[in-house]
């Protein structure tokens, strides 16, 4: 099943998630299993807690909808370049190198 989201606009981890969601029996037949909405919401919460999966404003709208996280993230959708520019602007406001280090360390968490 082809995805409407262009692979060039997402990182490799997100592309893998899209492929999984497109082929997953759980998401394609969610209505046929009782309690499936609970499983989907648990998976969505786990996605948002995992810093290696959570792309925050980088999640495309289609993927937000498929993963059940639409409305749980800020409404803006930013490219990686826009996110990098925002991070650089924030880092430049830090007056000391230790402040910059702490800021960058917190990005990984």
PDB file of N, CA and C in Angstrom:
ATOM      1  N   UNK A   1       0.851  -1.171   0.000  1.00  0.00           N
ATOM      2  CA  UNK A   1       0.000   0.000   0.000  1.00  0.00           C
ATOM      3  C   UNK A   1       0.897   1.234   0.000  1.00  0.00           C
ATOM      4  N   UNK A   2       0.920   2.070  -1.022  1.00  0.00           N
ATOM      5  CA  UNK A   2       1.800   3.222  -1.077  1.00  0.00           C
ATOM      6  C   UNK A   2       1.356   4.287  -0.099  1.00  0.00           C
ATOM      7  N   UNK A   3       2.326   4.968   0.432  1.00  0.00           N
ATOM      8  CA  UNK A   3       2.052   6.048   1.378  1.00  0.00           C
ATOM      9  C   UNK A   3       1.979   7.367   0.640  1.00  0.00           C
ATOM     10  N   UNK A   4       1.055   8.246   1.080  1.00  0.00           N
ATOM     11  CA  UNK A   4       0.926   9.559   0.451  1.00  0.00           C
ATOM     12  C   UNK A   4       2.033  10.493   0.904  1.00  0.00           C
ATOM     13  N   UNK A   5       2.729  10.125   1.982  1.00  0.00           N
ATOM     14  CA  UNK A   5       3.806  10.957   2.488  1.00  0.00           C
ATOM     15  C   UNK A   5       5.089  10.600   1.754  1.00  0.00           C
ATOM     16  N   UNK A   6       5.750  11.599   1.212  1.00  0.00           N
ATOM     17  CA  UNK A   6       6.984  11.354   0.475  1.00  0.00           C
ATOM     18  C   UNK A   6       8.077  10.917   1.436  1.00  0.00           C
ATOM     19  N   UNK A   7       8.787   9.812   1.148  1.00  0.00           N
ATOM     20  CA  UNK A   7       9.836   9.343   2.035  1.00  0.00           C
ATOM     21  C   UNK A   7      10.949  10.358   2.240  1.00  0.00           C
ATOM     22  N   UNK A   8      11.160  11.261   1.300  1.00  0.00           N
ATOM     23  CA  UNK A   8      12.238  12.232   1.442  1.00  0.00           C
ATOM     24  C   UNK A   8      11.953  13.249   2.532  1.00  0.00           C
ATOM     25  N   UNK A   9      10.696  13.362   2.993  1.00  0.00           N
ATOM     26  CA  UNK A   9      10.367  14.339   4.021  1.00  0.00           C
ATOM     27  C   UNK A   9      10.445  13.759   5.418  1.00  0.00           C
ATOM     28  N   UNK A  10      10.828  12.498   5.553  1.00  0.00           N
ATOM     29  CA  UNK A  10      10.895  11.903   6.874  1.00  0.00           C
ATOM     30  C   UNK A  10      12.200  11.143   7.033  1.00  0.00           C
ATOM     31  N   UNK A  11      12.595  10.954   8.276  1.00  0.00           N
ATOM     32  CA  UNK A  11      13.830  10.225   8.507  1.00  0.00           C
ATOM     33  C   UNK A  11      13.597   8.725   8.363  1.00  0.00           C
ATOM     34  N   UNK A  12      14.645   7.959   8.439  1.00  0.00           N
ATOM     35  CA  UNK A  12      14.557   6.517   8.199  1.00  0.00           C
ATOM     36  C   UNK A  12      13.686   5.822   9.236  1.00  0.00           C
ATOM     37  N   UNK A  13      13.761   6.272  10.475  1.00  0.00           N
ATOM     38  CA  UNK A  13      12.962   5.649  11.540  1.00  0.00           C
ATOM     39  C   UNK A  13      11.467   5.854  11.276  1.00  0.00           C
ATOM     40  N   UNK A  14      11.091   7.070  10.869  1.00  0.00           N
ATOM     41  CA  UNK A  14       9.693   7.356  10.570  1.00  0.00           C
ATOM     42  C   UNK A  14       9.241   6.560   9.359  1.00  0.00           C
ATOM     43  N   UNK A  15      10.094   6.459   8.347  1.00  0.00           N
ATOM     44  CA  UNK A  15       9.747   5.683   7.158  1.00  0.00           C
ATOM     45  C   UNK A  15       9.491   4.225   7.531  1.00  0.00           C
ATOM     46  N   UNK A  16      10.288   3.691   8.442  1.00  0.00           N
ATOM     47  CA  UNK A  16      10.083   2.317   8.905  1.00  0.00           C
ATOM     48  C   UNK A  16       8.753   2.187   9.638  1.00  0.00           C
ATOM     49  N   UNK A  17       8.406   3.185  10.449  1.00  0.00           N
ATOM     50  CA  UNK A  17       7.114   3.164  11.141  1.00  0.00           C
ATOM     51  C   UNK A  17       5.961   3.186  10.147  1.00  0.00           C
ATOM     52  N   UNK A  18       6.077   4.004   9.112  1.00  0.00           N
ATOM     53  CA  UNK A  18       5.025   4.077   8.095  1.00  0.00           C
ATOM     54  C   UNK A  18       4.872   2.729   7.407  1.00  0.00           C
ATOM     55  N   UNK A  19       5.985   2.101   7.045  1.00  0.00           N
ATOM     56  CA  UNK A  19       5.919   0.785   6.405  1.00  0.00           C
ATOM     57  C   UNK A  19       5.247  -0.228   7.328  1.00  0.00           C
ATOM     58  N   UNK A  20       5.611  -0.180   8.613  1.00  0.00           N
ATOM     59  CA  UNK A  20       5.008  -1.104   9.575  1.00  0.00           C
ATOM     60  C   UNK A  20       3.508  -0.856   9.695  1.00  0.00           C
ATOM     61  N   UNK A  21       3.121   0.397   9.790  1.00  0.00           N
ATOM     62  CA  UNK A  21       1.700   0.715   9.928  1.00  0.00           C
ATOM     63  C   UNK A  21       0.919   0.354   8.668  1.00  0.00           C
ATOM     64  N   UNK A  22       1.539   0.484   7.515  1.00  0.00           N
ATOM     65  CA  UNK A  22       0.861   0.136   6.268  1.00  0.00           C
ATOM     66  C   UNK A  22       0.642  -1.366   6.133  1.00  0.00           C
ATOM     67  N   UNK A  23       1.509  -2.172   6.734  1.00  0.00           N
ATOM     68  CA  UNK A  23       1.405  -3.618   6.579  1.00  0.00           C
ATOM     69  C   UNK A  23       0.879  -4.313   7.825  1.00  0.00           C
ATOM     70  N   UNK A  24       0.659  -3.571   8.883  1.00  0.00           N
ATOM     71  CA  UNK A  24       0.262  -4.166  10.154  1.00  0.00           C
ATOM     72  C   UNK A  24      -1.192  -4.617  10.137  1.00  0.00           C
ATOM     73  N   UNK A  25      -1.427  -5.848  10.535  1.00  0.00           N
ATOM     74  CA  UNK A  25      -2.804  -6.343  10.638  1.00  0.00           C
ATOM     75  C   UNK A  25      -3.548  -5.642  11.761  1.00  0.00           C
ATOM     76  N   UNK A  26      -2.813  -5.195  12.762  1.00  0.00           N
ATOM     77  CA  UNK A  26      -3.459  -4.517  13.890  1.00  0.00           C
ATOM     78  C   UNK A  26      -4.112  -3.225  13.438  1.00  0.00           C
ATOM     79  N   UNK A  27      -3.396  -2.405  12.684  1.00  0.00           N
ATOM     80  CA  UNK A  27      -3.979  -1.135  12.272  1.00  0.00           C
ATOM     81  C   UNK A  27      -4.983  -1.301  11.150  1.00  0.00           C
ATOM     82  N   UNK A  28      -4.786  -2.261  10.273  1.00  0.00           N
ATOM     83  CA  UNK A  28      -5.709  -2.381   9.151  1.00  0.00           C
ATOM     84  C   UNK A  28      -7.051  -2.967   9.562  1.00  0.00           C
ATOM     85  N   UNK A  29      -7.082  -3.719  10.649  1.00  0.00           N
ATOM     86  CA  UNK A  29      -8.346  -4.312  11.072  1.00  0.00           C
ATOM     87  C   UNK A  29      -8.684  -3.927  12.507  1.00  0.00           C
ATOM     88  N   UNK A  30      -8.379  -2.700  12.877  1.00  0.00           N
ATOM     89  CA  UNK A  30      -8.563  -2.247  14.254  1.00  0.00           C
ATOM     90  C   UNK A  30     -10.004  -2.360  14.716  1.00  0.00           C
ATOM     91  N   UNK A  31     -10.955  -2.171  13.816  1.00  0.00           N
ATOM     92  CA  UNK A  31     -12.355  -2.200  14.206  1.00  0.00           C
ATOM     93  C   UNK A  31     -12.845  -3.614  14.492  1.00  0.00           C
ATOM     94  N   UNK A  32     -12.145  -4.643  14.009  1.00  0.00           N
ATOM     95  CA  UNK A  32     -12.628  -6.011  14.165  1.00  0.00           C
ATOM     96  C   UNK A  32     -12.258  -6.629  15.512  1.00  0.00           C
ATOM     97  N   UNK A  33     -11.427  -5.983  16.299  1.00  0.00           N
ATOM     98  CA  UNK A  33     -11.020  -6.515  17.589  1.00  0.00           C
ATOM     99  C   UNK A  33     -11.537  -5.624  18.712  1.00  0.00           C
ATOM    100  N   UNK A  34     -12.215  -6.208  19.713  1.00  0.00           N
ATOM    101  CA  UNK A  34     -12.663  -5.391  20.834  1.00  0.00           C
ATOM    102  C   UNK A  34     -11.462  -4.875  21.617  1.00  0.00           C
ATOM    103  N   UNK A  35     -11.515  -3.638  22.026  1.00  0.00           N
ATOM    104  CA  UNK A  35     -10.442  -3.043  22.810  1.00  0.00           C
ATOM    105  C   UNK A  35      -9.251  -2.584  21.998  1.00  0.00           C
ATOM    106  N   UNK A  36      -9.335  -2.642  20.665  1.00  0.00           N
ATOM    107  CA  UNK A  36      -8.199  -2.260  19.831  1.00  0.00           C
ATOM    108  C   UNK A  36      -7.869  -0.779  19.998  1.00  0.00           C
ATOM    109  N   UNK A  37      -8.887   0.057  20.258  1.00  0.00           N
ATOM    110  CA  UNK A  37      -8.609   1.480  20.448  1.00  0.00           C
ATOM    111  C   UNK A  37      -7.707   1.695  21.654  1.00  0.00           C
ATOM    112  N   UNK A  38      -7.813   0.828  22.679  1.00  0.00           N
ATOM    113  CA  UNK A  38      -6.935   0.941  23.847  1.00  0.00           C
ATOM    114  C   UNK A  38      -5.501   0.599  23.468  1.00  0.00           C
ATOM    115  N   UNK A  39      -5.329  -0.446  22.664  1.00  0.00           N
ATOM    116  CA  UNK A  39      -3.992  -0.820  22.214  1.00  0.00           C
ATOM    117  C   UNK A  39      -3.373   0.302  21.397  1.00  0.00           C
ATOM    118  N   UNK A  40      -4.163   0.906  20.516  1.00  0.00           N
ATOM    119  CA  UNK A  40      -3.657   1.994  19.692  1.00  0.00           C
ATOM    120  C   UNK A  40      -3.249   3.184  20.560  1.00  0.00           C
ATOM    121  N   UNK A  41      -4.045   3.519  21.596  1.00  0.00           N
ATOM    122  CA  UNK A  41      -3.702   4.657  22.444  1.00  0.00           C
ATOM    123  C   UNK A  41      -2.471   4.353  23.290  1.00  0.00           C
ATOM    124  N   UNK A  42      -2.303   3.092  23.714  1.00  0.00           N
ATOM    125  CA  UNK A  42      -1.091   2.721  24.442  1.00  0.00           C
ATOM    126  C   UNK A  42       0.132   2.834  23.544  1.00  0.00           C
ATOM    127  N   UNK A  43      -0.008   2.397  22.296  1.00  0.00           N
ATOM    128  CA  UNK A  43       1.101   2.488  21.349  1.00  0.00           C
ATOM    129  C   UNK A  43       1.433   3.949  21.054  1.00  0.00           C
ATOM    130  N   UNK A  44       0.408   4.790  20.955  1.00  0.00           N
ATOM    131  CA  UNK A  44       0.628   6.216  20.708  1.00  0.00           C
ATOM    132  C   UNK A  44       1.364   6.847  21.876  1.00  0.00           C
ATOM    133  N   UNK A  45       0.968   6.515  23.101  1.00  0.00           N
ATOM    134  CA  UNK A  45       1.634   7.064  24.281  1.00  0.00           C
ATOM    135  C   UNK A  45       3.088   6.605  24.337  1.00  0.00           C
ATOM    136  N   UNK A  46       3.339   5.340  24.013  1.00  0.00           N
ATOM    137  CA  UNK A  46       4.710   4.827  24.007  1.00  0.00           C
ATOM    138  C   UNK A  46       5.548   5.530  22.948  1.00  0.00           C
ATOM    139  N   UNK A  47       4.948   5.821  21.812  1.00  0.00           N
ATOM    140  CA  UNK A  47       5.653   6.533  20.742  1.00  0.00           C
ATOM    141  C   UNK A  47       6.078   7.914  21.205  1.00  0.00           C
ATOM    142  N   UNK A  48       5.203   8.610  21.896  1.00  0.00           N
ATOM    143  CA  UNK A  48       5.515   9.963  22.342  1.00  0.00           C
ATOM    144  C   UNK A  48       6.543   9.973  23.463  1.00  0.00           C
ATOM    145  N   UNK A  49       6.652   8.888  24.219  1.00  0.00           N
ATOM    146  CA  UNK A  49       7.640   8.831  25.304  1.00  0.00           C
ATOM    147  C   UNK A  49       9.020   8.402  24.816  1.00  0.00           C
ATOM    148  N   UNK A  50       9.104   7.780  23.668  1.00  0.00           N
ATOM    149  CA  UNK A  50      10.385   7.277  23.162  1.00  0.00           C
ATOM    150  C   UNK A  50      11.100   8.370  22.376  1.00  0.00           C
ATOM    151  N   UNK A  51      12.225   8.897  22.892  1.00  0.00           N
ATOM    152  CA  UNK A  51      12.905   9.999  22.200  1.00  0.00           C
ATOM    153  C   UNK A  51      13.499   9.607  20.850  1.00  0.00           C
ATOM    154  N   UNK A  52      13.669   8.312  20.603  1.00  0.00           N
ATOM    155  CA  UNK A  52      14.226   7.889  19.323  1.00  0.00           C
ATOM    156  C   UNK A  52      13.160   7.795  18.238  1.00  0.00           C
ATOM    157  N   UNK A  53      11.900   7.717  18.632  1.00  0.00           N
ATOM    158  CA  UNK A  53      10.798   7.650  17.675  1.00  0.00           C
ATOM    159  C   UNK A  53      10.074   8.980  17.569  1.00  0.00           C
ATOM    160  N   UNK A  54       9.914   9.660  18.702  1.00  0.00           N
ATOM    161  CA  UNK A  54       9.132  10.893  18.739  1.00  0.00           C
ATOM    162  C   UNK A  54       9.843  11.997  17.966  1.00  0.00           C
ATOM    163  N   UNK A  55       9.234  12.435  16.902  1.00  0.00           N
ATOM    164  CA  UNK A  55       9.791  13.512  16.089  1.00  0.00           C
ATOM    165  C   UNK A  55       9.119  14.844  16.376  1.00  0.00           C
ATOM    166  N   UNK A  56       8.204  14.871  17.339  1.00  0.00           N
ATOM    167  CA  UNK A  56       7.507  16.081  17.761  1.00  0.00           C
ATOM    168  C   UNK A  56       6.866  16.772  16.563  1.00  0.00           C
ATOM    169  N   UNK A  57       7.314  17.955  16.214  1.00  0.00           N
ATOM    170  CA  UNK A  57       6.693  18.697  15.113  1.00  0.00           C
ATOM    171  C   UNK A  57       7.097  18.158  13.745  1.00  0.00           C
ATOM    172  N   UNK A  58       7.973  17.167  13.696  1.00  0.00           N
ATOM    173  CA  UNK A  58       8.400  16.592  12.425  1.00  0.00           C
ATOM    174  C   UNK A  58       7.487  15.494  11.904  1.00  0.00           C
ATOM    175  N   UNK A  59       6.539  15.026  12.718  1.00  0.00           N
ATOM    176  CA  UNK A  59       5.614  13.996  12.258  1.00  0.00           C
ATOM    177  C   UNK A  59       4.701  14.552  11.177  1.00  0.00           C
ATOM    178  N   UNK A  60       4.661  13.939  10.002  1.00  0.00           N
ATOM    179  CA  UNK A  60       3.706  14.362   8.968  1.00  0.00           C
ATOM    180  C   UNK A  60       2.270  14.118   9.446  1.00  0.00           C
ATOM    181  N   UNK A  61       1.329  14.896   8.936  1.00  0.00           N
ATOM    182  CA  UNK A  61      -0.068  14.820   9.364  1.00  0.00           C
ATOM    183  C   UNK A  61      -0.652  13.421   9.169  1.00  0.00           C
ATOM    184  N   UNK A  62      -0.355  12.796   8.040  1.00  0.00           N
ATOM    185  CA  UNK A  62      -0.885  11.451   7.772  1.00  0.00           C
ATOM    186  C   UNK A  62      -0.395  10.451   8.814  1.00  0.00           C
ATOM    187  N   UNK A  63       0.878  10.535   9.167  1.00  0.00           N
ATOM    188  CA  UNK A  63       1.440   9.613  10.150  1.00  0.00           C
ATOM    189  C   UNK A  63       0.854   9.877  11.537  1.00  0.00           C
ATOM    190  N   UNK A  64       0.625  11.133  11.875  1.00  0.00           N
ATOM    191  CA  UNK A  64      -0.017  11.463  13.156  1.00  0.00           C
ATOM    192  C   UNK A  64      -1.384  10.800  13.236  1.00  0.00           C
ATOM    193  N   UNK A  65      -2.126  10.867  12.145  1.00  0.00           N
ATOM    194  CA  UNK A  65      -3.464  10.279  12.120  1.00  0.00           C
ATOM    195  C   UNK A  65      -3.395   8.759  12.238  1.00  0.00           C
ATOM    196  N   UNK A  66      -2.512   8.124  11.472  1.00  0.00           N
ATOM    197  CA  UNK A  66      -2.382   6.662  11.493  1.00  0.00           C
ATOM    198  C   UNK A  66      -1.958   6.127  12.847  1.00  0.00           C
ATOM    199  N   UNK A  67      -1.061   6.861  13.510  1.00  0.00           N
ATOM    200  CA  UNK A  67      -0.533   6.391  14.785  1.00  0.00           C
ATOM    201  C   UNK A  67      -1.427   6.764  15.960  1.00  0.00           C
ATOM    202  N   UNK A  68      -2.450   7.551  15.711  1.00  0.00           N
ATOM    203  CA  UNK A  68      -3.352   7.937  16.785  1.00  0.00           C
ATOM    204  C   UNK A  68      -2.781   9.001  17.695  1.00  0.00           C
ATOM    205  N   UNK A  69      -1.862   9.816  17.183  1.00  0.00           N
ATOM    206  CA  UNK A  69      -1.254  10.861  18.013  1.00  0.00           C
ATOM    207  C   UNK A  69      -1.668  12.255  17.570  1.00  0.00           C
ATOM    208  N   UNK A  70      -2.594  12.320  16.631  1.00  0.00           N
ATOM    209  CA  UNK A  70      -3.082  13.621  16.174  1.00  0.00           C
ATOM    210  C   UNK A  70      -3.780  14.308  17.341  1.00  0.00           C
ATOM    211  N   UNK A  71      -3.434  15.555  17.590  1.00  0.00           N
ATOM    212  CA  UNK A  71      -3.985  16.290  18.720  1.00  0.00           C
ATOM    213  C   UNK A  71      -3.131  16.184  19.970  1.00  0.00           C
ATOM    214  N   UNK A  72      -2.171  15.275  19.988  1.00  0.00           N
ATOM    215  CA  UNK A  72      -1.284  15.116  21.137  1.00  0.00           C
ATOM    216  C   UNK A  72       0.034  15.859  20.951  1.00  0.00           C
ATOM    217  N   UNK A  73       0.225  16.410  19.770  1.00  0.00           N
ATOM    218  CA  UNK A  73       1.442  17.150  19.437  1.00  0.00           C
ATOM    219  C   UNK A  73       1.070  18.580  19.068  1.00  0.00           C
ATOM    220  N   UNK A  74       2.045  19.484  19.082  1.00  0.00           N
ATOM    221  CA  UNK A  74       1.749  20.839  18.599  1.00  0.00           C
ATOM    222  C   UNK A  74       1.226  20.776  17.165  1.00  0.00           C
ATOM    223  N   UNK A  75       0.325  21.682  16.791  1.00  0.00           N
ATOM    224  CA  UNK A  75      -0.286  21.608  15.458  1.00  0.00           C
ATOM    225  C   UNK A  75       0.679  21.898  14.309  1.00  0.00           C
ATOM    226  N   UNK A  76       1.783  22.561  14.579  1.00  0.00           N
ATOM    227  CA  UNK A  76       2.734  22.901  13.515  1.00  0.00           C
ATOM    228  C   UNK A  76       3.455  21.648  13.023  1.00  0.00           C
ATOM    229  N   UNK A  77       3.726  21.624  11.736  1.00  0.00           N
ATOM    230  CA  UNK A  77       4.533  20.560  11.144  1.00  0.00           C
ATOM    231  C   UNK A  77       5.747  21.234  10.531  1.00  0.00           C
ATOM    232  N   UNK A  78       6.930  20.849  11.007  1.00  0.00           N
ATOM    233  CA  UNK A  78       8.166  21.489  10.566  1.00  0.00           C
ATOM    234  C   UNK A  78       9.072  20.476   9.877  1.00  0.00           C
ATOM    235  N   UNK A  79       9.822  20.971   8.923  1.00  0.00           N
ATOM    236  CA  UNK A  79      10.838  20.137   8.287  1.00  0.00           C
ATOM    237  C   UNK A  79      12.035  20.041   9.225  1.00  0.00           C
ATOM    238  N   UNK A  80      12.944  19.140   8.911  1.00  0.00           N
ATOM    239  CA  UNK A  80      14.146  18.998   9.725  1.00  0.00           C
ATOM    240  C   UNK A  80      14.962  20.291   9.712  1.00  0.00           C
ATOM    241  N   UNK A  81      15.028  20.964   8.569  1.00  0.00           N
ATOM    242  CA  UNK A  81      15.758  22.231   8.487  1.00  0.00           C
ATOM    243  C   UNK A  81      15.138  23.293   9.386  1.00  0.00           C
ATOM    244  N   UNK A  82      13.814  23.351   9.432  1.00  0.00           N
ATOM    245  CA  UNK A  82      13.143  24.317  10.304  1.00  0.00           C
ATOM    246  C   UNK A  82      13.408  23.992  11.772  1.00  0.00           C
ATOM    247  N   UNK A  83      13.402  22.721  12.112  1.00  0.00           N
ATOM    248  CA  UNK A  83      13.686  22.325  13.490  1.00  0.00           C
ATOM    249  C   UNK A  83      15.121  22.672  13.873  1.00  0.00           C
ATOM    250  N   UNK A  84      16.059  22.438  12.953  1.00  0.00           N
ATOM    251  CA  UNK A  84      17.458  22.767  13.234  1.00  0.00           C
ATOM    252  C   UNK A  84      17.642  24.263  13.423  1.00  0.00           C
ATOM    253  N   UNK A  85      16.981  25.072  12.610  1.00  0.00           N
ATOM    254  CA  UNK A  85      17.078  26.525  12.748  1.00  0.00           C
ATOM    255  C   UNK A  85      16.526  26.974  14.097  1.00  0.00           C
ATOM    256  N   UNK A  86      15.418  26.367  14.528  1.00  0.00           N
ATOM    257  CA  UNK A  86      14.823  26.713  15.823  1.00  0.00           C
ATOM    258  C   UNK A  86      15.770  26.345  16.965  1.00  0.00           C
ATOM    259  N   UNK A  87      16.397  25.182  16.886  1.00  0.00           N
ATOM    260  CA  UNK A  87      17.336  24.747  17.920  1.00  0.00           C
ATOM    261  C   UNK A  87      18.548  25.666  17.959  1.00  0.00           C
ATOM    262  N   UNK A  88      19.078  26.024  16.790  1.00  0.00           N
ATOM    263  CA  UNK A  88      20.233  26.930  16.761  1.00  0.00           C
ATOM    264  C   UNK A  88      19.892  28.294  17.350  1.00  0.00           C
ATOM    265  N   UNK A  89      18.713  28.809  17.040  1.00  0.00           N
ATOM    266  CA  UNK A  89      18.288  30.088  17.619  1.00  0.00           C
ATOM    267  C   UNK A  89      18.220  29.996  19.139  1.00  0.00           C
ATOM    268  N   UNK A  90      17.654  28.911  19.644  1.00  0.00           N
ATOM    269  CA  UNK A  90      17.560  28.733  21.095  1.00  0.00           C
ATOM    270  C   UNK A  90      18.943  28.576  21.719  1.00  0.00           C
ATOM    271  N   UNK A  91      19.817  27.824  21.060  1.00  0.00           N
ATOM    272  CA  UNK A  91      21.149  27.611  21.614  1.00  0.00           C
ATOM    273  C   UNK A  91      21.943  28.911  21.671  1.00  0.00           C
ATOM    274  N   UNK A  92      21.752  29.756  20.681  1.00  0.00           N
ATOM    275  CA  UNK A  92      22.484  31.027  20.655  1.00  0.00           C
ATOM    276  C   UNK A  92      22.053  31.984  21.763  1.00  0.00           C
ATOM    277  N   UNK A  93      20.895  31.740  22.373  1.00  0.00           N
ATOM    278  CA  UNK A  93      20.463  32.588  23.489  1.00  0.00           C
ATOM    279  C   UNK A  93      21.170  32.209  24.786  1.00  0.00           C
ATOM    280  N   UNK A  94      21.802  31.042  24.824  1.00  0.00           N
ATOM    281  CA  UNK A  94      22.535  30.609  26.021  1.00  0.00           C
ATOM    282  C   UNK A  94      23.854  31.365  26.077  1.00  0.00           C
ATOM    283  N   UNK A  95      24.110  31.988  27.202  1.00  0.00           N
ATOM    284  CA  UNK A  95      25.277  32.872  27.321  1.00  0.00           C
ATOM    285  C   UNK A  95      26.579  32.138  27.632  1.00  0.00           C
ATOM    286  N   UNK A  96      26.488  30.970  28.220  1.00  0.00           N
ATOM    287  CA  UNK A  96      27.698  30.242  28.592  1.00  0.00           C
ATOM    288  C   UNK A  96      27.774  28.921  27.834  1.00  0.00           C
ATOM    289  N   UNK A  97      28.987  28.387  27.766  1.00  0.00           N
ATOM    290  CA  UNK A  97      29.150  27.099  27.092  1.00  0.00           C
ATOM    291  C   UNK A  97      28.476  25.982  27.878  1.00  0.00           C
ATOM    292  N   UNK A  98      28.462  26.098  29.214  1.00  0.00           N
ATOM    293  CA  UNK A  98      27.778  25.069  30.003  1.00  0.00           C
ATOM    294  C   UNK A  98      26.271  25.142  29.754  1.00  0.00           C
ATOM    295  N   UNK A  99      25.740  26.337  29.573  1.00  0.00           N
ATOM    296  CA  UNK A  99      24.323  26.495  29.245  1.00  0.00           C
ATOM    297  C   UNK A  99      23.995  25.861  27.904  1.00  0.00           C
ATOM    298  N   UNK A 100      24.889  26.044  26.935  1.00  0.00           N
ATOM    299  CA  UNK A 100      24.698  25.431  25.621  1.00  0.00           C
ATOM    300  C   UNK A 100      24.781  23.908  25.722  1.00  0.00           C
ATOM    301  N   UNK A 101      25.731  23.426  26.520  1.00  0.00           N
ATOM    302  CA  UNK A 101      25.889  21.986  26.703  1.00  0.00           C
ATOM    303  C   UNK A 101      24.635  21.374  27.331  1.00  0.00           C
ATOM    304  N   UNK A 102      24.130  22.018  28.371  1.00  0.00           N
ATOM    305  CA  UNK A 102      22.927  21.520  29.045  1.00  0.00           C
ATOM    306  C   UNK A 102      21.746  21.515  28.079  1.00  0.00           C
ATOM    307  N   UNK A 103      21.608  22.587  27.306  1.00  0.00           N
ATOM    308  CA  UNK A 103      20.510  22.663  26.340  1.00  0.00           C
ATOM    309  C   UNK A 103      20.600  21.521  25.324  1.00  0.00           C
ATOM    310  N   UNK A 104      21.785  21.315  24.760  1.00  0.00           N
ATOM    311  CA  UNK A 104      21.953  20.248  23.769  1.00  0.00           C
ATOM    312  C   UNK A 104      21.782  18.859  24.390  1.00  0.00           C
ATOM    313  N   UNK A 105      22.220  18.691  25.631  1.00  0.00           N
ATOM    314  CA  UNK A 105      22.036  17.406  26.313  1.00  0.00           C
ATOM    315  C   UNK A 105      20.562  17.105  26.522  1.00  0.00           C
ATOM    316  N   UNK A 106      19.789  18.132  26.831  1.00  0.00           N
ATOM    317  CA  UNK A 106      18.355  17.936  27.044  1.00  0.00           C
ATOM    318  C   UNK A 106      17.618  17.598  25.755  1.00  0.00           C
ATOM    319  N   UNK A 107      18.176  17.934  24.615  1.00  0.00           N
ATOM    320  CA  UNK A 107      17.538  17.580  23.343  1.00  0.00           C
ATOM    321  C   UNK A 107      17.494  16.066  23.144  1.00  0.00           C
ATOM    322  N   UNK A 108      18.483  15.376  23.672  1.00  0.00           N
ATOM    323  CA  UNK A 108      18.544  13.923  23.508  1.00  0.00           C
ATOM    324  C   UNK A 108      17.539  13.198  24.383  1.00  0.00           C
ATOM    325  N   UNK A 109      17.052  13.855  25.416  1.00  0.00           N
ATOM    326  CA  UNK A 109      16.166  13.180  26.376  1.00  0.00           C
ATOM    327  C   UNK A 109      14.766  13.191  25.951  1.00  0.00           C
TER     328      UNK A 109
END
